[in-house]
N, C-alpha and C. Protein backbone atom coordinates (compact mmCIF):
# COMPACT_ATOMS: atom_id res chain seq x y z
N MET A 1 0.85 -1.17 0.00
CA MET A 1 0.00 0.00 0.00
C MET A 1 0.89 1.23 0.00
N TYR A 2 0.59 2.21 -0.87
CA TYR A 2 1.41 3.42 -0.99
C TYR A 2 0.77 4.55 -0.22
N ILE A 3 1.58 5.23 0.59
CA ILE A 3 1.09 6.40 1.35
C ILE A 3 1.98 7.57 1.00
N ASN A 4 1.36 8.66 0.58
CA ASN A 4 2.11 9.87 0.25
C ASN A 4 2.71 10.43 1.53
N THR A 5 4.04 10.55 1.53
CA THR A 5 4.72 11.00 2.75
C THR A 5 5.14 12.45 2.67
N SER A 6 4.53 13.21 1.73
CA SER A 6 4.92 14.62 1.61
C SER A 6 4.52 15.42 2.83
N HIS A 7 3.46 14.94 3.54
CA HIS A 7 3.06 15.61 4.78
C HIS A 7 2.98 14.56 5.88
N THR A 8 4.11 14.11 6.34
CA THR A 8 4.17 13.10 7.40
C THR A 8 3.92 13.76 8.74
N PRO A 9 3.69 12.97 9.81
CA PRO A 9 3.47 13.56 11.13
C PRO A 9 4.61 14.46 11.57
N ASP A 10 5.88 14.11 11.18
CA ASP A 10 7.01 14.98 11.57
C ASP A 10 6.88 16.35 10.92
N LYS A 11 6.51 16.35 9.64
CA LYS A 11 6.33 17.63 8.96
C LYS A 11 5.18 18.40 9.57
N LYS A 12 4.12 17.66 9.89
CA LYS A 12 2.96 18.31 10.50
C LYS A 12 3.38 18.97 11.82
N ASN A 13 4.14 18.25 12.63
CA ASN A 13 4.62 18.81 13.91
C ASN A 13 5.51 20.03 13.67
N SER A 14 6.31 19.95 12.62
CA SER A 14 7.17 21.08 12.31
C SER A 14 6.35 22.32 11.97
N TYR A 15 5.30 22.09 11.12
CA TYR A 15 4.40 23.21 10.79
C TYR A 15 3.71 23.76 12.02
N LEU A 16 3.25 22.82 12.85
CA LEU A 16 2.54 23.26 14.06
C LEU A 16 3.46 24.01 15.02
N ASN A 17 4.70 23.55 15.12
CA ASN A 17 5.66 24.25 15.98
C ASN A 17 5.93 25.66 15.47
N LYS A 18 6.10 25.76 14.13
CA LYS A 18 6.31 27.09 13.54
C LYS A 18 5.11 27.99 13.81
N PHE A 19 3.93 27.37 13.64
CA PHE A 19 2.70 28.13 13.85
C PHE A 19 2.62 28.63 15.29
N ASN A 20 2.90 27.74 16.25
CA ASN A 20 2.84 28.13 17.66
C ASN A 20 3.89 29.20 17.99
N LYS A 21 5.07 29.06 17.39
CA LYS A 21 6.14 30.03 17.63
C LYS A 21 5.72 31.42 17.13
N LYS A 22 5.17 31.43 15.90
CA LYS A 22 4.73 32.70 15.31
C LYS A 22 3.61 33.31 16.15
N ARG A 23 2.70 32.42 16.62
CA ARG A 23 1.58 32.92 17.41
C ARG A 23 2.08 33.54 18.71
N ILE A 24 3.06 32.87 19.34
CA ILE A 24 3.63 33.39 20.59
C ILE A 24 4.34 34.72 20.33
N GLN A 25 5.10 34.74 19.19
CA GLN A 25 5.79 36.00 18.84
C GLN A 25 4.78 37.12 18.58
N THR A 26 3.69 36.73 17.89
CA THR A 26 2.66 37.74 17.59
C THR A 26 2.03 38.25 18.88
N THR A 27 1.75 37.34 19.78
CA THR A 27 1.17 37.75 21.06
C THR A 27 2.13 38.66 21.84
N ASP A 28 3.42 38.26 21.82
CA ASP A 28 4.43 39.10 22.50
C ASP A 28 4.49 40.49 21.87
N LYS A 29 4.47 40.52 20.55
CA LYS A 29 4.53 41.81 19.85
C LYS A 29 3.31 42.66 20.18
N GLU A 30 2.15 41.99 20.20
CA GLU A 30 0.92 42.74 20.51
C GLU A 30 1.00 43.34 21.91
N ASN A 31 1.54 42.53 22.84
CA ASN A 31 1.69 43.05 24.21
C ASN A 31 2.68 44.23 24.25
N LYS A 32 3.77 44.07 23.49
CA LYS A 32 4.74 45.16 23.45
C LYS A 32 4.14 46.43 22.86
N VAL A 33 3.35 46.19 21.78
CA VAL A 33 2.70 47.35 21.14
C VAL A 33 1.78 48.03 22.11
N GLN A 34 1.08 47.23 22.84
CA GLN A 34 0.15 47.80 23.82
C GLN A 34 0.90 48.63 24.86
N ASN A 35 2.02 48.07 25.33
CA ASN A 35 2.83 48.77 26.32
C ASN A 35 3.46 50.03 25.73
N LEU A 36 3.96 49.88 24.49
CA LEU A 36 4.61 51.03 23.86
C LEU A 36 3.62 52.14 23.52
N SER A 37 2.43 51.72 23.18
CA SER A 37 1.42 52.75 22.86
C SER A 37 1.14 53.63 24.06
N ASN A 38 1.29 53.01 25.21
CA ASN A 38 1.09 53.80 26.42
C ASN A 38 2.31 54.65 26.74
N GLN A 39 3.51 54.20 26.31
CA GLN A 39 4.73 54.86 26.76
C GLN A 39 5.39 55.68 25.66
N SER A 40 5.34 55.27 24.44
CA SER A 40 6.13 55.94 23.42
C SER A 40 5.30 56.81 22.49
N THR A 41 5.97 57.24 21.46
CA THR A 41 5.35 58.20 20.54
C THR A 41 4.50 57.47 19.53
N ASN A 42 3.81 58.20 18.74
CA ASN A 42 2.92 57.62 17.73
C ASN A 42 3.70 56.90 16.64
N ASP A 43 4.88 57.40 16.29
CA ASP A 43 5.67 56.76 15.22
C ASP A 43 6.13 55.37 15.65
N ASP A 44 6.63 55.29 16.86
CA ASP A 44 7.06 53.97 17.36
C ASP A 44 5.88 53.01 17.39
N CYS A 45 4.79 53.58 17.79
CA CYS A 45 3.56 52.77 17.89
C CYS A 45 3.15 52.30 16.50
N LYS A 46 3.29 53.16 15.52
CA LYS A 46 2.88 52.81 14.17
C LYS A 46 3.78 51.71 13.62
N SER A 47 5.10 51.84 13.86
CA SER A 47 6.01 50.79 13.37
C SER A 47 5.71 49.45 14.05
N GLN A 48 5.40 49.48 15.32
CA GLN A 48 5.03 48.25 16.03
C GLN A 48 3.73 47.68 15.50
N CYS A 49 2.80 48.56 15.17
CA CYS A 49 1.51 48.10 14.62
C CYS A 49 1.72 47.45 13.27
N ASP A 50 2.63 48.05 12.45
CA ASP A 50 2.92 47.43 11.15
C ASP A 50 3.51 46.03 11.35
N SER A 51 4.39 45.96 12.35
CA SER A 51 5.00 44.66 12.65
C SER A 51 3.93 43.65 13.07
N VAL A 52 2.99 44.13 13.90
CA VAL A 52 1.90 43.25 14.34
C VAL A 52 1.06 42.81 13.15
N ASP A 53 0.78 43.72 12.22
CA ASP A 53 0.01 43.37 11.02
C ASP A 53 0.72 42.30 10.21
N TYR A 54 2.05 42.48 10.13
CA TYR A 54 2.85 41.49 9.39
C TYR A 54 2.71 40.10 10.04
N TYR A 55 2.84 40.08 11.36
CA TYR A 55 2.73 38.79 12.06
C TYR A 55 1.31 38.23 11.99
N ARG A 56 0.33 39.12 11.95
CA ARG A 56 -1.05 38.64 11.79
C ARG A 56 -1.22 37.99 10.43
N HIS A 57 -0.62 38.65 9.43
CA HIS A 57 -0.68 38.08 8.09
C HIS A 57 0.01 36.71 8.06
N GLU A 58 1.19 36.64 8.68
CA GLU A 58 1.92 35.36 8.77
C GLU A 58 1.07 34.32 9.50
N ASN A 59 0.45 34.73 10.56
CA ASN A 59 -0.41 33.85 11.34
C ASN A 59 -1.55 33.33 10.47
N HIS A 60 -2.13 34.22 9.70
CA HIS A 60 -3.23 33.83 8.81
C HIS A 60 -2.73 32.81 7.78
N GLU A 61 -1.53 33.05 7.21
CA GLU A 61 -0.95 32.13 6.23
C GLU A 61 -0.69 30.76 6.87
N LEU A 62 -0.17 30.80 8.09
CA LEU A 62 0.09 29.53 8.78
C LEU A 62 -1.21 28.75 9.04
N LYS A 63 -2.25 29.49 9.44
CA LYS A 63 -3.55 28.82 9.66
C LYS A 63 -4.05 28.20 8.36
N ARG A 64 -3.91 28.96 7.26
CA ARG A 64 -4.35 28.44 5.96
C ARG A 64 -3.53 27.19 5.60
N LEU A 65 -2.22 27.23 5.86
CA LEU A 65 -1.35 26.10 5.57
C LEU A 65 -1.72 24.88 6.43
N VAL A 66 -2.00 25.10 7.71
CA VAL A 66 -2.42 24.01 8.60
C VAL A 66 -3.73 23.41 8.11
N PHE A 67 -4.67 24.28 7.72
CA PHE A 67 -5.95 23.79 7.22
C PHE A 67 -5.75 22.95 5.96
N GLN A 68 -4.88 23.43 5.04
CA GLN A 68 -4.59 22.70 3.82
C GLN A 68 -3.93 21.36 4.14
N LEU A 69 -3.00 21.39 5.09
CA LEU A 69 -2.33 20.16 5.52
C LEU A 69 -3.34 19.17 6.10
N LYS A 70 -4.24 19.65 6.95
CA LYS A 70 -5.26 18.78 7.53
C LYS A 70 -6.14 18.18 6.44
N PHE A 71 -6.51 19.02 5.46
CA PHE A 71 -7.36 18.55 4.37
C PHE A 71 -6.65 17.46 3.56
N GLU A 72 -5.35 17.69 3.23
CA GLU A 72 -4.58 16.70 2.48
C GLU A 72 -4.44 15.40 3.28
N MET A 73 -4.14 15.53 4.56
CA MET A 73 -4.00 14.33 5.40
C MET A 73 -5.31 13.57 5.48
N LYS A 74 -6.42 14.32 5.58
CA LYS A 74 -7.73 13.67 5.64
C LYS A 74 -8.01 12.94 4.33
N SER A 75 -7.68 13.56 3.20
CA SER A 75 -7.90 12.92 1.89
C SER A 75 -7.05 11.66 1.77
N GLN A 76 -5.78 11.77 2.17
CA GLN A 76 -4.90 10.60 2.10
C GLN A 76 -5.40 9.49 3.02
N LEU A 77 -5.83 9.87 4.21
CA LEU A 77 -6.34 8.87 5.15
C LEU A 77 -7.60 8.20 4.61
N GLU A 78 -8.48 9.00 3.98
CA GLU A 78 -9.70 8.42 3.41
C GLU A 78 -9.36 7.46 2.29
N SER A 79 -8.43 7.88 1.39
CA SER A 79 -8.06 6.98 0.29
C SER A 79 -7.40 5.70 0.82
N CYS A 80 -6.57 5.90 1.86
CA CYS A 80 -5.92 4.74 2.49
C CYS A 80 -6.96 3.82 3.10
N LEU A 81 -7.94 4.39 3.80
CA LEU A 81 -8.99 3.58 4.42
C LEU A 81 -9.84 2.87 3.38
N ILE A 82 -10.12 3.57 2.26
CA ILE A 82 -10.90 2.94 1.19
C ILE A 82 -10.13 1.75 0.62
N GLU A 83 -8.82 1.96 0.40
CA GLU A 83 -7.99 0.87 -0.12
C GLU A 83 -7.94 -0.30 0.85
N GLN A 84 -7.77 0.00 2.14
CA GLN A 84 -7.76 -1.06 3.15
C GLN A 84 -9.10 -1.77 3.23
N LYS A 85 -10.18 -0.99 3.08
CA LYS A 85 -11.51 -1.59 3.12
C LYS A 85 -11.68 -2.56 1.95
N LEU A 86 -11.21 -2.14 0.74
CA LEU A 86 -11.30 -3.02 -0.43
C LEU A 86 -10.44 -4.27 -0.22
N ASN A 87 -9.22 -4.07 0.33
CA ASN A 87 -8.36 -5.23 0.61
C ASN A 87 -9.02 -6.18 1.60
N LEU A 88 -9.59 -5.58 2.66
CA LEU A 88 -10.28 -6.40 3.67
C LEU A 88 -11.46 -7.15 3.05
N LYS A 89 -12.17 -6.46 2.16
CA LYS A 89 -13.33 -7.08 1.53
C LYS A 89 -12.90 -8.27 0.69
N SER A 90 -11.80 -8.11 -0.07
CA SER A 90 -11.31 -9.22 -0.88
C SER A 90 -10.82 -10.37 0.00
N VAL A 91 -10.15 -10.03 1.11
CA VAL A 91 -9.67 -11.08 2.04
C VAL A 91 -10.86 -11.81 2.64
N VAL A 92 -11.90 -11.05 3.04
CA VAL A 92 -13.10 -11.67 3.63
C VAL A 92 -13.78 -12.57 2.61
N GLN A 93 -13.87 -12.10 1.35
CA GLN A 93 -14.48 -12.94 0.31
C GLN A 93 -13.68 -14.21 0.10
N LYS A 94 -12.34 -14.04 0.07
CA LYS A 94 -11.47 -15.21 -0.12
C LYS A 94 -11.68 -16.23 0.99
N TYR A 95 -11.65 -15.75 2.24
CA TYR A 95 -11.80 -16.68 3.36
C TYR A 95 -13.23 -17.21 3.48
N THR A 96 -14.19 -16.40 3.05
CA THR A 96 -15.58 -16.89 3.06
C THR A 96 -15.73 -18.05 2.09
N SER A 97 -15.17 -17.88 0.87
CA SER A 97 -15.25 -18.98 -0.10
C SER A 97 -14.46 -20.19 0.40
N PHE A 98 -13.31 -19.93 1.05
CA PHE A 98 -12.50 -21.03 1.61
C PHE A 98 -13.29 -21.78 2.68
N ILE A 99 -13.95 -21.02 3.57
CA ILE A 99 -14.75 -21.63 4.65
C ILE A 99 -15.94 -22.39 4.06
N ASP A 100 -16.57 -21.79 3.02
CA ASP A 100 -17.70 -22.48 2.37
C ASP A 100 -17.25 -23.82 1.78
N GLU A 101 -16.06 -23.79 1.14
CA GLU A 101 -15.53 -25.02 0.57
C GLU A 101 -15.24 -26.05 1.66
N LEU A 102 -14.65 -25.58 2.78
CA LEU A 102 -14.38 -26.48 3.91
C LEU A 102 -15.68 -27.06 4.47
N MET A 103 -16.71 -26.21 4.58
CA MET A 103 -18.00 -26.69 5.10
C MET A 103 -18.59 -27.73 4.16
N THR A 104 -18.45 -27.50 2.84
CA THR A 104 -18.96 -28.48 1.87
C THR A 104 -18.23 -29.81 2.03
N GLN A 105 -16.88 -29.73 2.16
CA GLN A 105 -16.11 -30.95 2.35
C GLN A 105 -16.49 -31.64 3.66
N LYS A 106 -16.71 -30.81 4.72
CA LYS A 106 -17.09 -31.37 6.01
C LYS A 106 -18.45 -32.09 5.90
N ASN A 107 -19.41 -31.44 5.18
CA ASN A 107 -20.73 -32.06 5.03
C ASN A 107 -20.63 -33.37 4.24
N GLN A 108 -19.77 -33.37 3.17
CA GLN A 108 -19.60 -34.60 2.40
C GLN A 108 -18.98 -35.69 3.27
N ALA A 109 -17.94 -35.31 4.03
CA ALA A 109 -17.29 -36.29 4.90
C ALA A 109 -18.27 -36.80 5.96
N SER A 110 -19.09 -35.88 6.48
CA SER A 110 -20.08 -36.27 7.49
C SER A 110 -21.09 -37.24 6.90
N SER A 111 -21.53 -36.93 5.65
CA SER A 111 -22.49 -37.82 4.98
C SER A 111 -21.87 -39.20 4.75
N GLU A 112 -20.60 -39.21 4.28
CA GLU A 112 -19.91 -40.49 4.07
C GLU A 112 -19.76 -41.24 5.38
N CYS A 113 -19.43 -40.51 6.44
CA CYS A 113 -19.30 -41.16 7.76
C CYS A 113 -20.63 -41.77 8.21
N ASP A 114 -21.73 -41.02 7.97
CA ASP A 114 -23.04 -41.57 8.33
C ASP A 114 -23.33 -42.84 7.55
N ASP A 115 -22.99 -42.82 6.23
CA ASP A 115 -23.20 -44.02 5.41
C ASP A 115 -22.40 -45.20 5.94
N TRP A 116 -21.10 -44.95 6.22
CA TRP A 116 -20.25 -46.02 6.73
C TRP A 116 -20.73 -46.51 8.10
N LYS A 117 -21.20 -45.56 8.92
CA LYS A 117 -21.71 -45.94 10.24
C LYS A 117 -22.93 -46.85 10.08
N GLN A 118 -23.83 -46.47 9.14
CA GLN A 118 -25.03 -47.27 8.92
C GLN A 118 -24.65 -48.67 8.40
N LYS A 119 -23.67 -48.71 7.45
CA LYS A 119 -23.23 -50.00 6.93
C LYS A 119 -22.61 -50.85 8.04
N CYS A 120 -21.81 -50.19 8.88
CA CYS A 120 -21.17 -50.90 9.98
C CYS A 120 -22.22 -51.48 10.94
N GLU A 121 -23.25 -50.67 11.25
CA GLU A 121 -24.31 -51.15 12.14
C GLU A 121 -25.04 -52.34 11.51
N GLN A 122 -25.29 -52.25 10.18
CA GLN A 122 -25.95 -53.36 9.50
C GLN A 122 -25.07 -54.62 9.57
N GLN A 123 -23.75 -54.44 9.32
CA GLN A 123 -22.83 -55.58 9.40
C GLN A 123 -22.80 -56.17 10.81
N GLN A 124 -22.83 -55.28 11.81
CA GLN A 124 -22.84 -55.77 13.19
C GLN A 124 -24.12 -56.57 13.47
N GLN A 125 -25.26 -56.10 12.93
CA GLN A 125 -26.51 -56.84 13.11
C GLN A 125 -26.41 -58.21 12.44
N ILE A 126 -25.85 -58.22 11.20
CA ILE A 126 -25.70 -59.49 10.49
C ILE A 126 -24.78 -60.43 11.27
N ILE A 127 -23.66 -59.87 11.76
CA ILE A 127 -22.71 -60.68 12.54
C ILE A 127 -23.37 -61.21 13.81
N GLU A 128 -24.18 -60.36 14.46
CA GLU A 128 -24.88 -60.79 15.68
C GLU A 128 -25.87 -61.91 15.37
N GLN A 129 -26.59 -61.77 14.23
CA GLN A 129 -27.53 -62.81 13.84
C GLN A 129 -26.79 -64.12 13.56
N GLN A 130 -25.66 -64.00 12.81
CA GLN A 130 -24.88 -65.21 12.51
C GLN A 130 -24.31 -65.83 13.78
N ARG A 131 -23.86 -64.96 14.70
CA ARG A 131 -23.35 -65.49 15.98
C ARG A 131 -24.45 -66.25 16.73
N GLN A 132 -25.67 -65.68 16.70
CA GLN A 132 -26.81 -66.34 17.37
C GLN A 132 -27.13 -67.67 16.69
N GLN A 133 -27.06 -67.65 15.33
CA GLN A 133 -27.32 -68.90 14.60
C GLN A 133 -26.27 -69.95 14.95
N ILE A 134 -25.00 -69.51 14.99
CA ILE A 134 -23.91 -70.44 15.33
C ILE A 134 -24.11 -70.99 16.75
N TYR A 135 -24.52 -70.10 17.66
CA TYR A 135 -24.77 -70.56 19.04
C TYR A 135 -25.90 -71.59 19.06
N ASN A 136 -26.99 -71.28 18.33
CA ASN A 136 -28.13 -72.21 18.28
C ASN A 136 -27.71 -73.55 17.68
N GLN A 137 -26.91 -73.46 16.58
CA GLN A 137 -26.46 -74.71 15.95
C GLN A 137 -25.52 -75.49 16.88
N SER A 138 -24.68 -74.76 17.62
CA SER A 138 -23.80 -75.47 18.56
C SER A 138 -24.62 -76.14 19.66
N GLN A 139 -25.71 -75.48 20.07
CA GLN A 139 -26.59 -76.11 21.07
C GLN A 139 -27.22 -77.38 20.51
N ILE A 140 -27.68 -77.28 19.25
CA ILE A 140 -28.29 -78.46 18.61
C ILE A 140 -27.27 -79.58 18.48
N ILE A 141 -26.03 -79.20 18.05
CA ILE A 141 -24.96 -80.20 17.91
C ILE A 141 -24.65 -80.84 19.28
N GLN A 142 -24.63 -80.03 20.32
CA GLN A 142 -24.38 -80.53 21.67
C GLN A 142 -25.46 -81.53 22.08
N GLN A 143 -26.71 -81.15 21.81
CA GLN A 143 -27.82 -82.06 22.12
C GLN A 143 -27.70 -83.35 21.33
N ASN A 144 -27.35 -83.22 20.03
CA ASN A 144 -27.18 -84.42 19.18
C ASN A 144 -26.05 -85.30 19.71
N LEU A 145 -24.95 -84.65 20.18
CA LEU A 145 -23.85 -85.43 20.75
C LEU A 145 -24.30 -86.20 21.99
N PHE A 146 -25.07 -85.50 22.84
CA PHE A 146 -25.59 -86.19 24.02
C PHE A 146 -26.48 -87.36 23.62
N THR A 147 -27.31 -87.13 22.59
CA THR A 147 -28.21 -88.19 22.12
C THR A 147 -27.39 -89.36 21.57
N ILE A 148 -26.36 -89.05 20.79
CA ILE A 148 -25.50 -90.10 20.21
C ILE A 148 -24.80 -90.87 21.33
N GLN A 149 -24.29 -90.14 22.32
CA GLN A 149 -23.64 -90.82 23.45
C GLN A 149 -24.62 -91.72 24.18
N HIS A 150 -25.84 -91.22 24.35
CA HIS A 150 -26.87 -92.03 25.01
C HIS A 150 -27.18 -93.28 24.20
N ILE A 151 -27.30 -93.09 22.88
CA ILE A 151 -27.58 -94.24 22.00
C ILE A 151 -26.42 -95.23 22.06
N GLN A 152 -25.17 -94.69 22.04
CA GLN A 152 -24.00 -95.57 22.13
C GLN A 152 -24.01 -96.38 23.44
N GLN A 153 -24.37 -95.69 24.54
CA GLN A 153 -24.42 -96.39 25.82
C GLN A 153 -25.49 -97.49 25.79
N GLU A 154 -26.64 -97.14 25.22
CA GLU A 154 -27.71 -98.14 25.13
C GLU A 154 -27.28 -99.31 24.25
N TYR A 155 -26.59 -98.94 23.14
CA TYR A 155 -26.12 -99.99 22.22
C TYR A 155 -25.11 -100.91 22.93
N GLN A 156 -24.20 -100.27 23.69
CA GLN A 156 -23.21 -101.07 24.43
C GLN A 156 -23.91 -102.02 25.42
N LEU A 157 -24.87 -101.46 26.14
CA LEU A 157 -25.61 -102.29 27.10
C LEU A 157 -26.34 -103.44 26.39
N GLU A 158 -26.96 -103.08 25.28
CA GLU A 158 -27.70 -104.11 24.55
C GLU A 158 -26.75 -105.15 23.98
N LEU A 159 -25.57 -104.66 23.50
CA LEU A 159 -24.57 -105.60 22.97
C LEU A 159 -24.07 -106.55 24.06
N ILE A 160 -23.81 -106.00 25.23
CA ILE A 160 -23.36 -106.83 26.36
C ILE A 160 -24.45 -107.85 26.72
N GLN A 161 -25.66 -107.33 26.72
CA GLN A 161 -26.77 -108.23 27.07
C GLN A 161 -26.92 -109.33 26.02
N ASN A 162 -26.79 -108.95 24.76
CA ASN A 162 -26.89 -109.95 23.69
C ASN A 162 -25.74 -110.96 23.77
N GLN A 163 -24.56 -110.47 24.09
CA GLN A 163 -23.42 -111.38 24.23
C GLN A 163 -23.65 -112.37 25.38
N MET A 164 -24.22 -111.84 26.45
CA MET A 164 -24.52 -112.74 27.57
C MET A 164 -25.56 -113.78 27.17
N GLU A 165 -26.55 -113.32 26.41
CA GLU A 165 -27.59 -114.27 25.97
C GLU A 165 -26.99 -115.33 25.03
N VAL A 166 -26.12 -114.82 24.14
CA VAL A 166 -25.46 -115.76 23.21
C VAL A 166 -24.61 -116.76 23.99
N GLN A 167 -23.91 -116.23 24.98
CA GLN A 167 -23.07 -117.12 25.81
C GLN A 167 -23.93 -118.17 26.52
N GLN A 168 -25.06 -117.70 27.01
CA GLN A 168 -25.98 -118.64 27.68
C GLN A 168 -26.48 -119.69 26.69
N ILE A 169 -26.82 -119.20 25.49
CA ILE A 169 -27.31 -120.15 24.47
C ILE A 169 -26.21 -121.15 24.12
N MET A 170 -24.99 -120.64 23.97
CA MET A 170 -23.86 -121.52 23.64
C MET A 170 -23.64 -122.54 24.77
N ASN A 171 -23.73 -122.06 25.99
CA ASN A 171 -23.58 -122.96 27.13
C ASN A 171 -24.68 -124.03 27.12
N LEU A 172 -25.89 -123.56 26.82
CA LEU A 172 -27.03 -124.49 26.75
C LEU A 172 -26.83 -125.52 25.63
N LYS A 173 -26.31 -124.99 24.52
CA LYS A 173 -26.06 -125.87 23.37
C LYS A 173 -25.02 -126.92 23.75
N ASP A 174 -23.92 -126.42 24.39
CA ASP A 174 -22.87 -127.37 24.79
C ASP A 174 -23.41 -128.40 25.78
N GLN A 175 -24.20 -127.91 26.66
CA GLN A 175 -24.80 -128.81 27.65
C GLN A 175 -25.72 -129.82 26.97
N THR A 176 -26.49 -129.33 26.01
CA THR A 176 -27.42 -130.20 25.29
C THR A 176 -26.64 -131.25 24.48
N ILE A 177 -25.56 -130.79 23.86
CA ILE A 177 -24.74 -131.71 23.07
C ILE A 177 -24.14 -132.77 23.99
N ASP A 178 -23.67 -132.32 25.13
CA ASP A 178 -23.10 -133.28 26.08
C ASP A 178 -24.16 -134.32 26.51
N GLU A 179 -25.31 -133.79 26.77
CA GLU A 179 -26.40 -134.70 27.19
C GLU A 179 -26.75 -135.66 26.07
N LEU A 180 -26.80 -135.14 24.85
CA LEU A 180 -27.13 -135.99 23.70
C LEU A 180 -26.03 -137.05 23.49
N ASN A 181 -24.80 -136.61 23.66
CA ASN A 181 -23.68 -137.56 23.52
C ASN A 181 -23.77 -138.66 24.58
N GLN A 182 -24.14 -138.29 25.75
CA GLN A 182 -24.27 -139.29 26.82
C GLN A 182 -25.41 -140.25 26.50
N ILE A 183 -26.49 -139.66 26.02
CA ILE A 183 -27.64 -140.52 25.67
C ILE A 183 -27.24 -141.44 24.52
N PHE A 184 -26.53 -140.92 23.57
CA PHE A 184 -26.12 -141.72 22.43
C PHE A 184 -25.17 -142.85 22.88
N LEU A 185 -24.30 -142.53 23.77
CA LEU A 185 -23.38 -143.51 24.29
C LEU A 185 -24.13 -144.59 25.08
N GLN A 186 -25.05 -144.16 25.81
CA GLN A 186 -25.84 -145.12 26.58
C GLN A 186 -26.64 -146.05 25.65
N GLN A 187 -27.06 -145.52 24.59
CA GLN A 187 -27.85 -146.34 23.67
C GLN A 187 -26.95 -147.33 22.92
N GLN A 188 -25.77 -147.00 22.72
CA GLN A 188 -24.85 -147.86 22.01
C GLN A 188 -24.39 -149.00 22.93
N GLN A 189 -24.42 -148.87 24.08
CA GLN A 189 -23.99 -149.91 24.99
C GLN A 189 -25.18 -150.82 25.13
């Protein structure tokens, strides 16, 4: 940003100091003139009055210069403020569009997150259902195993019982054969 430095604060202070100095000198001269008018002749008084007029004129010029300086500084300040306002406006627009873009990205990411969250919840429900099915099937398998073990035990008992019956039958057969052999022997004698 460019600022005209032809009337900087230092220059302004310099003008104001000159102005104050001239004003003090003018006031001193006026006081002297007043005193001299009471004490001296008309000619001395007239020369002092001319001097006072000169300083009044200088004072008037200094006031005009200060006014002009103030006006120029005000114009420069206004143009500077307008330029800064335009710069600020462009910066605000830039960051507004940047924030809008970020908000759009945030909304898209939020929407995607909601979709993924919903999919995840659905997958968790499916997994929970499958886990329940697996648990139910494991219970059924456990019951079937108990049933099979029970059947095996019954089969073993029945097999043992059948073996005992067979053994009894075999014993009976052997006994019958022995008896028949004895009868046959007795008949042969």
